[in-house]
Amino acid sequence: MDIGGRLREVRESRGMSQRDLAGRAGLTSSAISLIEQNKSSPSVASLKRLLDAIPMNLSEFFSVVEQRKTPKYFYAPDEYIELSPQDIGLGVGAARVSLRQLGDASRHSLQVLHETYPAGSDTGPELLRHEGEEAGIVVSGLIEVTVADQIRVLNPGDGYLFSSQLPHRFRNISDAPCVVISACTPPTF
């Protein structure tokens, strides 16, 4: 997906200049310009902060408008919607965090994600915050989860449940990929 082009499209549709968005998000106009030109990839936390300034959630930003007459109840893995920026992580050549959403969360009161964190990747240096509650279970690998002032390394089978209004972050501190299945209600991420 063209993250920069989509950001520009959303910003312009709201009648905002790059300067307006930068001021609301606490970034520089040049940072917005680089993102919109796809010369810089924001972390999940930075993109969330930009979208909060619009306001719009990640699910809306990445949603694919579907005009269906019949309801869709089942999804193959290639039908999930990728919500994460293209190249977030720890610098040049960094591995990509994948946050794949099951269906169109804007049509439901629950958002379900299949998350993959390559070795050394994370959601970004800024802690995330949004409305709702979230929960998840580690399927494979290890993930360090920070919630408010608590930090815990979770193993396969371990889970978490917290108010998403608390500052939080996910970081793979191991040298193997980590897979998490998570849910957020309402879908505000």
Protein backbone atom coordinates (compact mmCIF):
# COMPACT_ATOMS: atom_id res chain seq x y z
CA MET A 1 0.00 0.00 0.00
CA ASP A 2 1.10 3.56 -0.73
CA ILE A 3 1.21 4.83 2.88
CA GLY A 4 2.42 8.30 1.91
CA GLY A 5 -0.16 8.74 -0.84
CA ARG A 6 -2.95 7.56 1.44
CA LEU A 7 -1.85 9.96 4.20
CA ARG A 8 -1.78 12.86 1.73
CA GLU A 9 -5.22 11.88 0.40
CA VAL A 10 -6.72 11.74 3.91
CA ARG A 11 -5.01 14.97 5.01
CA GLU A 12 -6.19 16.87 1.94
CA SER A 13 -9.73 15.47 2.21
CA ARG A 14 -9.88 17.01 5.70
CA GLY A 15 -8.65 20.37 4.37
CA MET A 16 -5.41 20.20 6.35
CA SER A 17 -2.03 21.46 5.23
CA GLN A 18 1.15 19.57 6.08
CA ARG A 19 1.88 22.33 8.60
CA ASP A 20 -1.57 21.86 10.24
CA LEU A 21 -1.08 18.11 10.56
CA ALA A 22 2.49 18.50 11.80
CA GLY A 23 1.40 20.93 14.51
CA ARG A 24 -1.44 18.70 15.70
CA ALA A 25 0.75 15.57 15.69
CA GLY A 26 3.84 17.17 17.22
CA LEU A 27 6.01 16.50 14.15
CA THR A 28 7.76 18.75 11.65
CA SER A 29 6.30 19.66 8.26
CA SER A 30 9.38 18.15 6.65
CA ALA A 31 8.73 14.82 8.41
CA ILE A 32 5.16 14.81 7.02
CA SER A 33 6.51 15.64 3.56
CA LEU A 34 9.02 12.75 3.67
CA ILE A 35 6.32 10.30 4.77
CA GLU A 36 3.92 11.48 2.05
CA GLN A 37 6.66 11.05 -0.57
CA ASN A 38 7.37 7.54 0.79
CA LYS A 39 10.94 8.59 1.55
CA SER A 40 10.44 7.84 5.24
CA SER A 41 8.40 5.07 6.85
CA PRO A 42 6.73 5.93 10.16
CA SER A 43 6.67 3.53 13.09
CA VAL A 44 3.26 2.17 14.10
CA ALA A 45 3.28 4.62 17.03
CA SER A 46 4.16 7.60 14.79
CA LEU A 47 1.50 6.72 12.23
CA LYS A 48 -1.03 6.31 15.05
CA ARG A 49 -0.08 9.77 16.38
CA LEU A 50 -0.54 11.28 12.89
CA LEU A 51 -3.92 9.62 12.47
CA ASP A 52 -5.05 10.70 15.96
CA ALA A 53 -4.37 14.29 14.84
CA ILE A 54 -6.67 13.88 11.81
CA PRO A 55 -8.67 12.06 13.65
CA MET A 56 -8.82 8.57 12.15
CA ASN A 57 -7.85 5.12 13.40
CA LEU A 58 -5.49 2.66 11.70
CA SER A 59 -8.36 0.40 10.73
CA GLU A 60 -10.09 3.21 8.83
CA PHE A 61 -6.80 4.33 7.25
CA PHE A 62 -6.09 0.88 5.84
CA SER A 63 -9.67 -0.23 5.18
CA VAL A 64 -10.62 -1.47 1.78
CA VAL A 65 -14.09 -0.33 0.89
CA GLU A 66 -16.12 -3.40 0.07
CA GLN A 67 -19.51 -3.14 -1.60
CA ARG A 68 -21.08 -6.53 -0.81
CA LYS A 69 -24.67 -7.55 -0.99
CA THR A 70 -24.05 -10.76 0.95
CA PRO A 71 -22.30 -10.75 4.34
CA LYS A 72 -18.79 -12.19 4.54
CA TYR A 73 -18.11 -14.47 7.48
CA PHE A 74 -14.97 -16.36 6.47
CA TYR A 75 -11.53 -15.12 5.41
CA ALA A 76 -8.47 -16.78 3.95
CA PRO A 77 -5.08 -15.50 5.18
CA ASP A 78 -4.52 -13.54 1.96
CA GLU A 79 -7.77 -11.62 2.59
CA TYR A 80 -6.59 -10.03 5.86
CA ILE A 81 -5.95 -6.27 5.72
CA GLU A 82 -2.37 -5.19 6.48
CA LEU A 83 -2.47 -2.27 8.97
CA SER A 84 1.21 -1.61 9.58
CA PRO A 85 3.46 0.75 7.67
CA GLN A 86 5.67 -0.93 5.13
CA ASP A 87 9.10 -0.79 6.77
CA ILE A 88 8.93 -0.13 10.49
CA GLY A 89 11.54 -1.40 12.87
CA LEU A 90 15.08 -0.60 13.81
CA GLY A 91 16.59 1.32 10.89
CA VAL A 92 17.91 0.41 7.47
CA GLY A 93 17.16 -3.16 6.51
CA ALA A 94 14.96 -3.59 9.57
CA ALA A 95 12.39 -6.32 9.57
CA ARG A 96 8.77 -5.43 9.07
CA VAL A 97 6.14 -5.79 11.80
CA SER A 98 2.96 -7.19 10.30
CA LEU A 99 -0.43 -6.32 11.82
CA ARG A 100 -3.04 -8.10 9.70
CA GLN A 101 -6.69 -7.43 10.45
CA LEU A 102 -9.44 -10.00 10.03
CA GLY A 103 -12.19 -8.37 7.92
CA ASP A 104 -13.28 -4.73 7.98
CA ALA A 105 -13.28 -3.69 11.64
CA SER A 106 -15.21 -0.51 10.83
CA ARG A 107 -18.26 -2.73 10.33
CA HIS A 108 -17.94 -4.51 13.68
CA SER A 109 -17.45 -3.78 17.38
CA LEU A 110 -14.40 -6.07 17.58
CA GLN A 111 -11.04 -5.88 15.82
CA VAL A 112 -8.98 -9.09 15.52
CA LEU A 113 -5.32 -8.98 14.46
CA HIS A 114 -2.76 -11.59 13.41
CA GLU A 115 0.51 -9.93 14.47
CA THR A 116 4.00 -10.97 13.39
CA TYR A 117 7.08 -9.41 14.97
CA PRO A 118 10.36 -10.37 13.28
CA ALA A 119 13.45 -10.62 15.50
CA GLY A 120 14.40 -7.24 16.95
CA SER A 121 11.28 -5.42 15.71
CA ASP A 122 8.82 -3.36 17.72
CA THR A 123 5.87 -0.98 17.45
CA GLY A 124 8.20 2.03 17.66
CA PRO A 125 9.88 4.06 20.38
CA GLU A 126 6.69 5.93 21.27
CA LEU A 127 4.17 4.19 23.49
CA LEU A 128 0.76 3.58 21.91
CA ARG A 129 -2.54 4.82 23.42
CA HIS A 130 -6.07 4.58 22.08
CA GLU A 131 -9.63 4.04 23.27
CA GLY A 132 -10.81 0.55 24.16
CA GLU A 133 -9.41 -2.64 25.59
CA GLU A 134 -7.09 -5.16 24.03
CA ALA A 135 -6.11 -8.72 24.66
CA GLY A 136 -3.83 -11.21 22.99
CA ILE A 137 -2.21 -14.61 23.22
CA VAL A 138 1.33 -15.39 22.08
CA VAL A 139 1.21 -18.22 19.54
CA SER A 140 4.95 -18.57 18.98
CA GLY A 141 8.16 -16.80 19.93
CA LEU A 142 8.73 -14.23 22.69
CA ILE A 143 7.41 -10.68 22.99
CA GLU A 144 8.19 -7.99 25.54
CA VAL A 145 5.02 -6.06 26.39
CA THR A 146 5.10 -2.74 28.22
CA VAL A 147 1.84 -1.53 29.79
CA ALA A 148 2.10 1.68 31.84
CA ASP A 149 4.98 1.04 34.28
CA GLN A 150 4.97 -2.76 33.92
CA ILE A 151 7.14 -4.75 31.51
CA ARG A 152 6.76 -8.47 30.96
CA VAL A 153 8.27 -10.98 28.52
CA LEU A 154 5.54 -13.30 27.28
CA ASN A 155 6.11 -16.86 26.02
CA PRO A 156 3.89 -19.05 23.81
CA GLY A 157 0.53 -19.53 25.54
CA ASP A 158 0.93 -16.41 27.70
CA GLY A 159 -1.57 -13.62 27.21
CA TYR A 160 -2.38 -10.03 28.10
CA LEU A 161 -5.50 -7.94 28.72
CA PHE A 162 -5.50 -4.20 29.47
CA SER A 163 -7.15 -0.86 28.84
CA SER A 164 -5.68 0.52 25.60
CA GLN A 165 -5.76 3.99 27.15
CA LEU A 166 -2.69 2.96 29.14
CA PRO A 167 0.58 3.63 27.29
CA HIS A 168 1.82 0.38 25.76
CA ARG A 169 4.44 -1.07 23.42
CA PHE A 170 5.32 -4.45 21.90
CA ARG A 171 8.94 -5.48 21.23
CA ASN A 172 10.46 -8.76 20.04
CA ILE A 173 13.65 -9.07 22.08
CA SER A 174 14.56 -12.51 20.74
CA ASP A 175 16.31 -13.65 17.58
CA ALA A 176 13.24 -15.56 16.31
CA PRO A 177 9.90 -14.27 14.98
CA CYS A 178 6.96 -13.87 17.34
CA VAL A 179 3.28 -14.39 16.40
CA VAL A 180 0.41 -12.99 18.46
CA ILE A 181 -3.35 -13.21 17.94
CA SER A 182 -5.01 -10.15 19.47
CA ALA A 183 -8.36 -8.42 19.76
CA CYS A 184 -9.37 -4.83 20.44
CA THR A 185 -12.83 -3.56 21.31
CA PRO A 186 -14.09 -1.23 20.11
CA PRO A 187 -11.89 -1.21 17.00
CA THR A 188 -9.95 1.98 17.67
CA PHE A 189 -6.46 0.91 16.64
